[in-house]
């Protein structure tokens, strides 16, 4: 099982966004992923780690990932042969 960690800024009220990404991942990858949400109050933090490796960082990558990009990055690491259906079109 792979581990996805989403760290989000509480002051920026990004809990719902983090929760949505978590829900989308669990819906798509099921038991292949364990997802953890980590609240942070240091200001503007939003990053996503997969097995300890930085997958996305809001400041570095210019905002938040669209769901297609997000799922494709995860898929490319954990199950490169997996089809994401309409997201791959």
PDB file of N, CA and C in Angstrom:
ATOM      1  N   UNK A   1       0.842  -1.183   0.000  1.00  0.00           N
ATOM      2  CA  UNK A   1       0.000   0.000   0.000  1.00  0.00           C
ATOM      3  C   UNK A   1       0.883   1.239   0.000  1.00  0.00           C
ATOM      4  N   UNK A   2       0.497   2.207  -0.810  1.00  0.00           N
ATOM      5  CA  UNK A   2       1.222   3.469  -0.901  1.00  0.00           C
ATOM      6  C   UNK A   2       0.581   4.480   0.028  1.00  0.00           C
ATOM      7  N   UNK A   3       1.377   5.474   0.429  1.00  0.00           N
ATOM      8  CA  UNK A   3       0.892   6.464   1.386  1.00  0.00           C
ATOM      9  C   UNK A   3       0.919   7.865   0.762  1.00  0.00           C
ATOM     10  N   UNK A   4      -0.234   8.504   0.697  1.00  0.00           N
ATOM     11  CA  UNK A   4      -0.379   9.860   0.185  1.00  0.00           C
ATOM     12  C   UNK A   4      -0.664  10.778   1.369  1.00  0.00           C
ATOM     13  N   UNK A   5       0.108  11.857   1.480  1.00  0.00           N
ATOM     14  CA  UNK A   5      -0.083  12.826   2.553  1.00  0.00           C
ATOM     15  C   UNK A   5      -0.379  14.183   1.939  1.00  0.00           C
ATOM     16  N   UNK A   6      -1.470  14.784   2.351  1.00  0.00           N
ATOM     17  CA  UNK A   6      -1.847  16.109   1.874  1.00  0.00           C
ATOM     18  C   UNK A   6      -1.765  17.055   3.065  1.00  0.00           C
ATOM     19  N   UNK A   7      -0.834  18.002   3.002  1.00  0.00           N
ATOM     20  CA  UNK A   7      -0.672  19.005   4.053  1.00  0.00           C
ATOM     21  C   UNK A   7      -1.293  20.298   3.560  1.00  0.00           C
ATOM     22  N   UNK A   8      -2.164  20.871   4.376  1.00  0.00           N
ATOM     23  CA  UNK A   8      -2.918  22.051   3.947  1.00  0.00           C
ATOM     24  C   UNK A   8      -2.903  23.126   5.030  1.00  0.00           C
ATOM     25  N   UNK A   9      -3.048  24.370   4.614  1.00  0.00           N
ATOM     26  CA  UNK A   9      -3.073  25.513   5.524  1.00  0.00           C
ATOM     27  C   UNK A   9      -4.465  25.669   6.124  1.00  0.00           C
ATOM     28  N   UNK A  10      -4.512  25.665   7.459  1.00  0.00           N
ATOM     29  CA  UNK A  10      -5.795  25.854   8.135  1.00  0.00           C
ATOM     30  C   UNK A  10      -6.258  27.304   8.056  1.00  0.00           C
ATOM     31  N   UNK A  11      -5.315  28.242   8.095  1.00  0.00           N
ATOM     32  CA  UNK A  11      -5.658  29.658   8.028  1.00  0.00           C
ATOM     33  C   UNK A  11      -6.244  30.060   6.685  1.00  0.00           C
ATOM     34  N   UNK A  12      -5.876  29.320   5.645  1.00  0.00           N
ATOM     35  CA  UNK A  12      -6.375  29.598   4.294  1.00  0.00           C
ATOM     36  C   UNK A  12      -7.672  28.843   4.001  1.00  0.00           C
ATOM     37  N   UNK A  13      -8.109  28.052   4.976  1.00  0.00           N
ATOM     38  CA  UNK A  13      -9.336  27.265   4.839  1.00  0.00           C
ATOM     39  C   UNK A  13      -9.291  26.283   3.670  1.00  0.00           C
ATOM     40  N   UNK A  14      -8.181  25.573   3.539  1.00  0.00           N
ATOM     41  CA  UNK A  14      -8.024  24.621   2.442  1.00  0.00           C
ATOM     42  C   UNK A  14      -8.371  23.194   2.824  1.00  0.00           C
ATOM     43  N   UNK A  15      -9.031  22.996   3.967  1.00  0.00           N
ATOM     44  CA  UNK A  15      -9.440  21.657   4.375  1.00  0.00           C
ATOM     45  C   UNK A  15     -10.369  21.016   3.343  1.00  0.00           C
ATOM     46  N   UNK A  16     -11.352  21.746   2.855  1.00  0.00           N
ATOM     47  CA  UNK A  16     -12.289  21.166   1.888  1.00  0.00           C
ATOM     48  C   UNK A  16     -11.585  20.752   0.605  1.00  0.00           C
ATOM     49  N   UNK A  17     -10.631  21.551   0.155  1.00  0.00           N
ATOM     50  CA  UNK A  17      -9.865  21.217  -1.049  1.00  0.00           C
ATOM     51  C   UNK A  17      -9.051  19.946  -0.799  1.00  0.00           C
ATOM     52  N   UNK A  18      -8.372  19.896   0.347  1.00  0.00           N
ATOM     53  CA  UNK A  18      -7.571  18.717   0.690  1.00  0.00           C
ATOM     54  C   UNK A  18      -8.456  17.480   0.785  1.00  0.00           C
ATOM     55  N   UNK A  19      -9.620  17.628   1.403  1.00  0.00           N
ATOM     56  CA  UNK A  19     -10.555  16.525   1.528  1.00  0.00           C
ATOM     57  C   UNK A  19     -11.070  16.041   0.189  1.00  0.00           C
ATOM     58  N   UNK A  20     -11.297  16.981  -0.708  1.00  0.00           N
ATOM     59  CA  UNK A  20     -11.771  16.616  -2.054  1.00  0.00           C
ATOM     60  C   UNK A  20     -10.712  15.818  -2.791  1.00  0.00           C
ATOM     61  N   UNK A  21      -9.453  16.270  -2.738  1.00  0.00           N
ATOM     62  CA  UNK A  21      -8.372  15.509  -3.375  1.00  0.00           C
ATOM     63  C   UNK A  21      -8.278  14.108  -2.765  1.00  0.00           C
ATOM     64  N   UNK A  22      -8.383  14.013  -1.449  1.00  0.00           N
ATOM     65  CA  UNK A  22      -8.326  12.709  -0.780  1.00  0.00           C
ATOM     66  C   UNK A  22      -9.462  11.808  -1.264  1.00  0.00           C
ATOM     67  N   UNK A  23     -10.667  12.357  -1.326  1.00  0.00           N
ATOM     68  CA  UNK A  23     -11.826  11.593  -1.783  1.00  0.00           C
ATOM     69  C   UNK A  23     -11.627  11.094  -3.211  1.00  0.00           C
ATOM     70  N   UNK A  24     -11.153  11.963  -4.078  1.00  0.00           N
ATOM     71  CA  UNK A  24     -10.922  11.583  -5.473  1.00  0.00           C
ATOM     72  C   UNK A  24      -9.899  10.459  -5.582  1.00  0.00           C
ATOM     73  N   UNK A  25      -8.840  10.540  -4.787  1.00  0.00           N
ATOM     74  CA  UNK A  25      -7.808   9.494  -4.809  1.00  0.00           C
ATOM     75  C   UNK A  25      -8.347   8.165  -4.316  1.00  0.00           C
ATOM     76  N   UNK A  26      -9.072   8.208  -3.217  1.00  0.00           N
ATOM     77  CA  UNK A  26      -9.618   6.970  -2.670  1.00  0.00           C
ATOM     78  C   UNK A  26     -10.663   6.363  -3.600  1.00  0.00           C
ATOM     79  N   UNK A  27     -11.440   7.196  -4.277  1.00  0.00           N
ATOM     80  CA  UNK A  27     -12.428   6.699  -5.237  1.00  0.00           C
ATOM     81  C   UNK A  27     -11.756   6.041  -6.437  1.00  0.00           C
ATOM     82  N   UNK A  28     -10.639   6.597  -6.862  1.00  0.00           N
ATOM     83  CA  UNK A  28      -9.949   6.094  -8.048  1.00  0.00           C
ATOM     84  C   UNK A  28      -9.036   4.917  -7.741  1.00  0.00           C
ATOM     85  N   UNK A  29      -8.242   5.020  -6.673  1.00  0.00           N
ATOM     86  CA  UNK A  29      -7.205   4.023  -6.406  1.00  0.00           C
ATOM     87  C   UNK A  29      -7.553   3.043  -5.299  1.00  0.00           C
ATOM     88  N   UNK A  30      -8.653   3.276  -4.606  1.00  0.00           N
ATOM     89  CA  UNK A  30      -9.144   2.337  -3.606  1.00  0.00           C
ATOM     90  C   UNK A  30      -8.105   1.948  -2.573  1.00  0.00           C
ATOM     91  N   UNK A  31      -7.939   0.656  -2.378  1.00  0.00           N
ATOM     92  CA  UNK A  31      -7.059   0.155  -1.332  1.00  0.00           C
ATOM     93  C   UNK A  31      -5.576   0.224  -1.684  1.00  0.00           C
ATOM     94  N   UNK A  32      -5.243   0.709  -2.865  1.00  0.00           N
ATOM     95  CA  UNK A  32      -3.828   0.867  -3.231  1.00  0.00           C
ATOM     96  C   UNK A  32      -3.201   2.054  -2.513  1.00  0.00           C
ATOM     97  N   UNK A  33      -4.035   2.943  -1.964  1.00  0.00           N
ATOM     98  CA  UNK A  33      -3.554   4.150  -1.286  1.00  0.00           C
ATOM     99  C   UNK A  33      -4.103   4.273   0.121  1.00  0.00           C
ATOM    100  N   UNK A  34      -3.255   4.772   0.991  1.00  0.00           N
ATOM    101  CA  UNK A  34      -3.690   5.239   2.305  1.00  0.00           C
ATOM    102  C   UNK A  34      -3.500   6.750   2.261  1.00  0.00           C
ATOM    103  N   UNK A  35      -4.492   7.514   2.657  1.00  0.00           N
ATOM    104  CA  UNK A  35      -4.428   8.969   2.562  1.00  0.00           C
ATOM    105  C   UNK A  35      -4.493   9.590   3.954  1.00  0.00           C
ATOM    106  N   UNK A  36      -3.588  10.538   4.196  1.00  0.00           N
ATOM    107  CA  UNK A  36      -3.558  11.258   5.457  1.00  0.00           C
ATOM    108  C   UNK A  36      -3.649  12.750   5.173  1.00  0.00           C
ATOM    109  N   UNK A  37      -4.518  13.447   5.895  1.00  0.00           N
ATOM    110  CA  UNK A  37      -4.613  14.906   5.815  1.00  0.00           C
ATOM    111  C   UNK A  37      -3.888  15.486   7.021  1.00  0.00           C
ATOM    112  N   UNK A  38      -3.013  16.469   6.768  1.00  0.00           N
ATOM    113  CA  UNK A  38      -2.218  17.067   7.832  1.00  0.00           C
ATOM    114  C   UNK A  38      -2.481  18.572   7.869  1.00  0.00           C
ATOM    115  N   UNK A  39      -3.125  19.074   8.917  1.00  0.00           N
ATOM    116  CA  UNK A  39      -3.348  20.521   9.038  1.00  0.00           C
ATOM    117  C   UNK A  39      -2.044  21.230   9.388  1.00  0.00           C
ATOM    118  N   UNK A  40      -1.880  22.432   8.855  1.00  0.00           N
ATOM    119  CA  UNK A  40      -0.674  23.229   9.107  1.00  0.00           C
ATOM    120  C   UNK A  40      -1.107  24.683   9.237  1.00  0.00           C
ATOM    121  N   UNK A  41      -0.554  25.398  10.209  1.00  0.00           N
ATOM    122  CA  UNK A  41      -0.952  26.792  10.402  1.00  0.00           C
ATOM    123  C   UNK A  41       0.189  27.777  10.127  1.00  0.00           C
ATOM    124  N   UNK A  42       1.181  27.337   9.337  1.00  0.00           N
ATOM    125  CA  UNK A  42       2.327  28.220   9.079  1.00  0.00           C
ATOM    126  C   UNK A  42       2.079  29.198   7.931  1.00  0.00           C
ATOM    127  N   UNK A  43       0.963  29.084   7.238  1.00  0.00           N
ATOM    128  CA  UNK A  43       0.588  30.073   6.226  1.00  0.00           C
ATOM    129  C   UNK A  43       0.869  29.668   4.794  1.00  0.00           C
ATOM    130  N   UNK A  44      -0.178  29.417   4.040  1.00  0.00           N
ATOM    131  CA  UNK A  44      -0.083  29.176   2.603  1.00  0.00           C
ATOM    132  C   UNK A  44       0.423  27.812   2.194  1.00  0.00           C
ATOM    133  N   UNK A  45       0.549  26.902   3.141  1.00  0.00           N
ATOM    134  CA  UNK A  45       1.099  25.581   2.830  1.00  0.00           C
ATOM    135  C   UNK A  45       0.053  24.697   2.164  1.00  0.00           C
ATOM    136  N   UNK A  46       0.420  24.101   1.049  1.00  0.00           N
ATOM    137  CA  UNK A  46      -0.378  23.045   0.437  1.00  0.00           C
ATOM    138  C   UNK A  46       0.574  22.195  -0.365  1.00  0.00           C
ATOM    139  N   UNK A  47       0.872  21.029   0.157  1.00  0.00           N
ATOM    140  CA  UNK A  47       1.710  20.120  -0.613  1.00  0.00           C
ATOM    141  C   UNK A  47       1.242  18.691  -0.455  1.00  0.00           C
ATOM    142  N   UNK A  48       1.596  17.905  -1.457  1.00  0.00           N
ATOM    143  CA  UNK A  48       1.164  16.521  -1.538  1.00  0.00           C
ATOM    144  C   UNK A  48       2.407  15.654  -1.667  1.00  0.00           C
ATOM    145  N   UNK A  49       2.503  14.678  -0.776  1.00  0.00           N
ATOM    146  CA  UNK A  49       3.632  13.758  -0.775  1.00  0.00           C
ATOM    147  C   UNK A  49       3.111  12.355  -1.058  1.00  0.00           C
ATOM    148  N   UNK A  50       3.854  11.605  -1.853  1.00  0.00           N
ATOM    149  CA  UNK A  50       3.534  10.206  -2.113  1.00  0.00           C
ATOM    150  C   UNK A  50       4.728   9.376  -1.695  1.00  0.00           C
ATOM    151  N   UNK A  51       4.533   8.568  -0.688  1.00  0.00           N
ATOM    152  CA  UNK A  51       5.617   7.745  -0.129  1.00  0.00           C
ATOM    153  C   UNK A  51       6.835   8.584   0.243  1.00  0.00           C
ATOM    154  N   UNK A  52       6.587   9.758   0.806  1.00  0.00           N
ATOM    155  CA  UNK A  52       7.669  10.615   1.274  1.00  0.00           C
ATOM    156  C   UNK A  52       8.314  11.488   0.214  1.00  0.00           C
ATOM    157  N   UNK A  53       7.889  11.358  -1.033  1.00  0.00           N
ATOM    158  CA  UNK A  53       8.425  12.169  -2.133  1.00  0.00           C
ATOM    159  C   UNK A  53       7.421  13.261  -2.493  1.00  0.00           C
ATOM    160  N   UNK A  54       7.926  14.473  -2.683  1.00  0.00           N
ATOM    161  CA  UNK A  54       7.056  15.595  -3.020  1.00  0.00           C
ATOM    162  C   UNK A  54       6.470  15.414  -4.410  1.00  0.00           C
ATOM    163  N   UNK A  55       5.150  15.355  -4.473  1.00  0.00           N
ATOM    164  CA  UNK A  55       4.440  15.175  -5.739  1.00  0.00           C
ATOM    165  C   UNK A  55       3.940  16.519  -6.269  1.00  0.00           C
ATOM    166  N   UNK A  56       3.509  17.388  -5.359  1.00  0.00           N
ATOM    167  CA  UNK A  56       2.979  18.699  -5.754  1.00  0.00           C
ATOM    168  C   UNK A  56       3.187  19.672  -4.608  1.00  0.00           C
ATOM    169  N   UNK A  57       3.595  20.885  -4.933  1.00  0.00           N
ATOM    170  CA  UNK A  57       3.740  21.945  -3.935  1.00  0.00           C
ATOM    171  C   UNK A  57       3.156  23.215  -4.528  1.00  0.00           C
ATOM    172  N   UNK A  58       2.184  23.778  -3.859  1.00  0.00           N
ATOM    173  CA  UNK A  58       1.413  24.898  -4.400  1.00  0.00           C
ATOM    174  C   UNK A  58       2.292  26.038  -4.887  1.00  0.00           C
ATOM    175  N   UNK A  59       3.249  26.472  -4.101  1.00  0.00           N
ATOM    176  CA  UNK A  59       4.096  27.600  -4.491  1.00  0.00           C
ATOM    177  C   UNK A  59       5.032  27.225  -5.632  1.00  0.00           C
ATOM    178  N   UNK A  60       5.654  26.062  -5.531  1.00  0.00           N
ATOM    179  CA  UNK A  60       6.601  25.612  -6.558  1.00  0.00           C
ATOM    180  C   UNK A  60       5.913  25.364  -7.891  1.00  0.00           C
ATOM    181  N   UNK A  61       4.725  24.739  -7.839  1.00  0.00           N
ATOM    182  CA  UNK A  61       4.058  24.293  -9.054  1.00  0.00           C
ATOM    183  C   UNK A  61       2.990  25.256  -9.561  1.00  0.00           C
ATOM    184  N   UNK A  62       2.843  26.409  -8.913  1.00  0.00           N
ATOM    185  CA  UNK A  62       1.948  27.438  -9.424  1.00  0.00           C
ATOM    186  C   UNK A  62       0.476  27.207  -9.152  1.00  0.00           C
ATOM    187  N   UNK A  63       0.124  26.941  -7.933  1.00  0.00           N
ATOM    188  CA  UNK A  63      -1.281  26.782  -7.581  1.00  0.00           C
ATOM    189  C   UNK A  63      -1.623  25.350  -7.238  1.00  0.00           C
ATOM    190  N   UNK A  64      -2.858  24.994  -7.526  1.00  0.00           N
ATOM    191  CA  UNK A  64      -3.353  23.665  -7.193  1.00  0.00           C
ATOM    192  C   UNK A  64      -3.460  22.841  -8.472  1.00  0.00           C
ATOM    193  N   UNK A  65      -3.220  21.536  -8.370  1.00  0.00           N
ATOM    194  CA  UNK A  65      -3.323  20.709  -9.580  1.00  0.00           C
ATOM    195  C   UNK A  65      -4.774  20.500  -9.990  1.00  0.00           C
ATOM    196  N   UNK A  66      -5.007  20.441 -11.304  1.00  0.00           N
ATOM    197  CA  UNK A  66      -6.328  20.010 -11.742  1.00  0.00           C
ATOM    198  C   UNK A  66      -6.401  18.512 -11.473  1.00  0.00           C
ATOM    199  N   UNK A  67      -7.584  17.978 -11.372  1.00  0.00           N
ATOM    200  CA  UNK A  67      -7.746  16.594 -10.936  1.00  0.00           C
ATOM    201  C   UNK A  67      -7.113  15.620 -11.919  1.00  0.00           C
ATOM    202  N   UNK A  68      -7.130  15.924 -13.195  1.00  0.00           N
ATOM    203  CA  UNK A  68      -6.503  15.056 -14.203  1.00  0.00           C
ATOM    204  C   UNK A  68      -5.002  14.938 -13.942  1.00  0.00           C
ATOM    205  N   UNK A  69      -4.340  16.068 -13.807  1.00  0.00           N
ATOM    206  CA  UNK A  69      -2.897  16.070 -13.550  1.00  0.00           C
ATOM    207  C   UNK A  69      -2.581  15.344 -12.249  1.00  0.00           C
ATOM    208  N   UNK A  70      -3.356  15.616 -11.229  1.00  0.00           N
ATOM    209  CA  UNK A  70      -3.154  15.010  -9.913  1.00  0.00           C
ATOM    210  C   UNK A  70      -3.229  13.482  -9.987  1.00  0.00           C
ATOM    211  N   UNK A  71      -4.296  12.961 -10.560  1.00  0.00           N
ATOM    212  CA  UNK A  71      -4.462  11.519 -10.642  1.00  0.00           C
ATOM    213  C   UNK A  71      -3.424  10.877 -11.558  1.00  0.00           C
ATOM    214  N   UNK A  72      -3.069  11.552 -12.642  1.00  0.00           N
ATOM    215  CA  UNK A  72      -2.059  11.002 -13.545  1.00  0.00           C
ATOM    216  C   UNK A  72      -0.702  10.902 -12.859  1.00  0.00           C
ATOM    217  N   UNK A  73      -0.331  11.897 -12.067  1.00  0.00           N
ATOM    218  CA  UNK A  73       0.950  11.841 -11.353  1.00  0.00           C
ATOM    219  C   UNK A  73       0.975  10.684 -10.363  1.00  0.00           C
ATOM    220  N   UNK A  74      -0.134  10.482  -9.678  1.00  0.00           N
ATOM    221  CA  UNK A  74      -0.196   9.364  -8.731  1.00  0.00           C
ATOM    222  C   UNK A  74      -0.134   8.039  -9.485  1.00  0.00           C
ATOM    223  N   UNK A  75      -0.948   7.909 -10.504  1.00  0.00           N
ATOM    224  CA  UNK A  75      -0.980   6.691 -11.314  1.00  0.00           C
ATOM    225  C   UNK A  75       0.396   6.366 -11.882  1.00  0.00           C
ATOM    226  N   UNK A  76       1.100   7.372 -12.398  1.00  0.00           N
ATOM    227  CA  UNK A  76       2.400   7.149 -13.018  1.00  0.00           C
ATOM    228  C   UNK A  76       3.416   6.571 -12.041  1.00  0.00           C
ATOM    229  N   UNK A  77       3.216   6.822 -10.740  1.00  0.00           N
ATOM    230  CA  UNK A  77       4.121   6.277  -9.725  1.00  0.00           C
ATOM    231  C   UNK A  77       3.656   4.907  -9.243  1.00  0.00           C
ATOM    232  N   UNK A  78       2.376   4.758  -8.936  1.00  0.00           N
ATOM    233  CA  UNK A  78       1.945   3.522  -8.282  1.00  0.00           C
ATOM    234  C   UNK A  78       1.466   2.430  -9.229  1.00  0.00           C
ATOM    235  N   UNK A  79       0.896   2.803 -10.381  1.00  0.00           N
ATOM    236  CA  UNK A  79       0.368   1.822 -11.333  1.00  0.00           C
ATOM    237  C   UNK A  79       0.466   2.381 -12.757  1.00  0.00           C
ATOM    238  N   UNK A  80       1.677   2.497 -13.317  1.00  0.00           N
ATOM    239  CA  UNK A  80       1.836   3.144 -14.627  1.00  0.00           C
ATOM    240  C   UNK A  80       0.995   2.529 -15.747  1.00  0.00           C
ATOM    241  N   UNK A  81       0.674   1.253 -15.637  1.00  0.00           N
ATOM    242  CA  UNK A  81      -0.092   0.583 -16.689  1.00  0.00           C
ATOM    243  C   UNK A  81      -1.596   0.806 -16.568  1.00  0.00           C
ATOM    244  N   UNK A  82      -2.032   1.372 -15.464  1.00  0.00           N
ATOM    245  CA  UNK A  82      -3.463   1.564 -15.194  1.00  0.00           C
ATOM    246  C   UNK A  82      -4.060   2.657 -16.081  1.00  0.00           C
ATOM    247  N   UNK A  83      -5.240   2.391 -16.607  1.00  0.00           N
ATOM    248  CA  UNK A  83      -5.978   3.390 -17.366  1.00  0.00           C
ATOM    249  C   UNK A  83      -6.831   4.210 -16.405  1.00  0.00           C
ATOM    250  N   UNK A  84      -6.880   5.502 -16.651  1.00  0.00           N
ATOM    251  CA  UNK A  84      -7.763   6.378 -15.876  1.00  0.00           C
ATOM    252  C   UNK A  84      -9.015   6.722 -16.679  1.00  0.00           C
ATOM    253  N   UNK A  85      -9.298   5.927 -17.681  1.00  0.00           N
ATOM    254  CA  UNK A  85     -10.490   6.119 -18.490  1.00  0.00           C
ATOM    255  C   UNK A  85     -10.512   7.460 -19.190  1.00  0.00           C
ATOM    256  N   UNK A  86     -11.588   8.208 -19.028  1.00  0.00           N
ATOM    257  CA  UNK A  86     -11.756   9.476 -19.735  1.00  0.00           C
ATOM    258  C   UNK A  86     -10.692  10.507 -19.353  1.00  0.00           C
ATOM    259  N   UNK A  87     -10.044  10.366 -18.208  1.00  0.00           N
ATOM    260  CA  UNK A  87      -8.995  11.324 -17.824  1.00  0.00           C
ATOM    261  C   UNK A  87      -7.752  11.186 -18.693  1.00  0.00           C
ATOM    262  N   UNK A  88      -7.561  10.033 -19.316  1.00  0.00           N
ATOM    263  CA  UNK A  88      -6.405   9.829 -20.179  1.00  0.00           C
ATOM    264  C   UNK A  88      -6.654  10.281 -21.612  1.00  0.00           C
ATOM    265  N   UNK A  89      -7.880  10.633 -21.922  1.00  0.00           N
ATOM    266  CA  UNK A  89      -8.203  11.036 -23.306  1.00  0.00           C
ATOM    267  C   UNK A  89      -7.748  12.441 -23.599  1.00  0.00           C
TER     268      UNK A  89
END
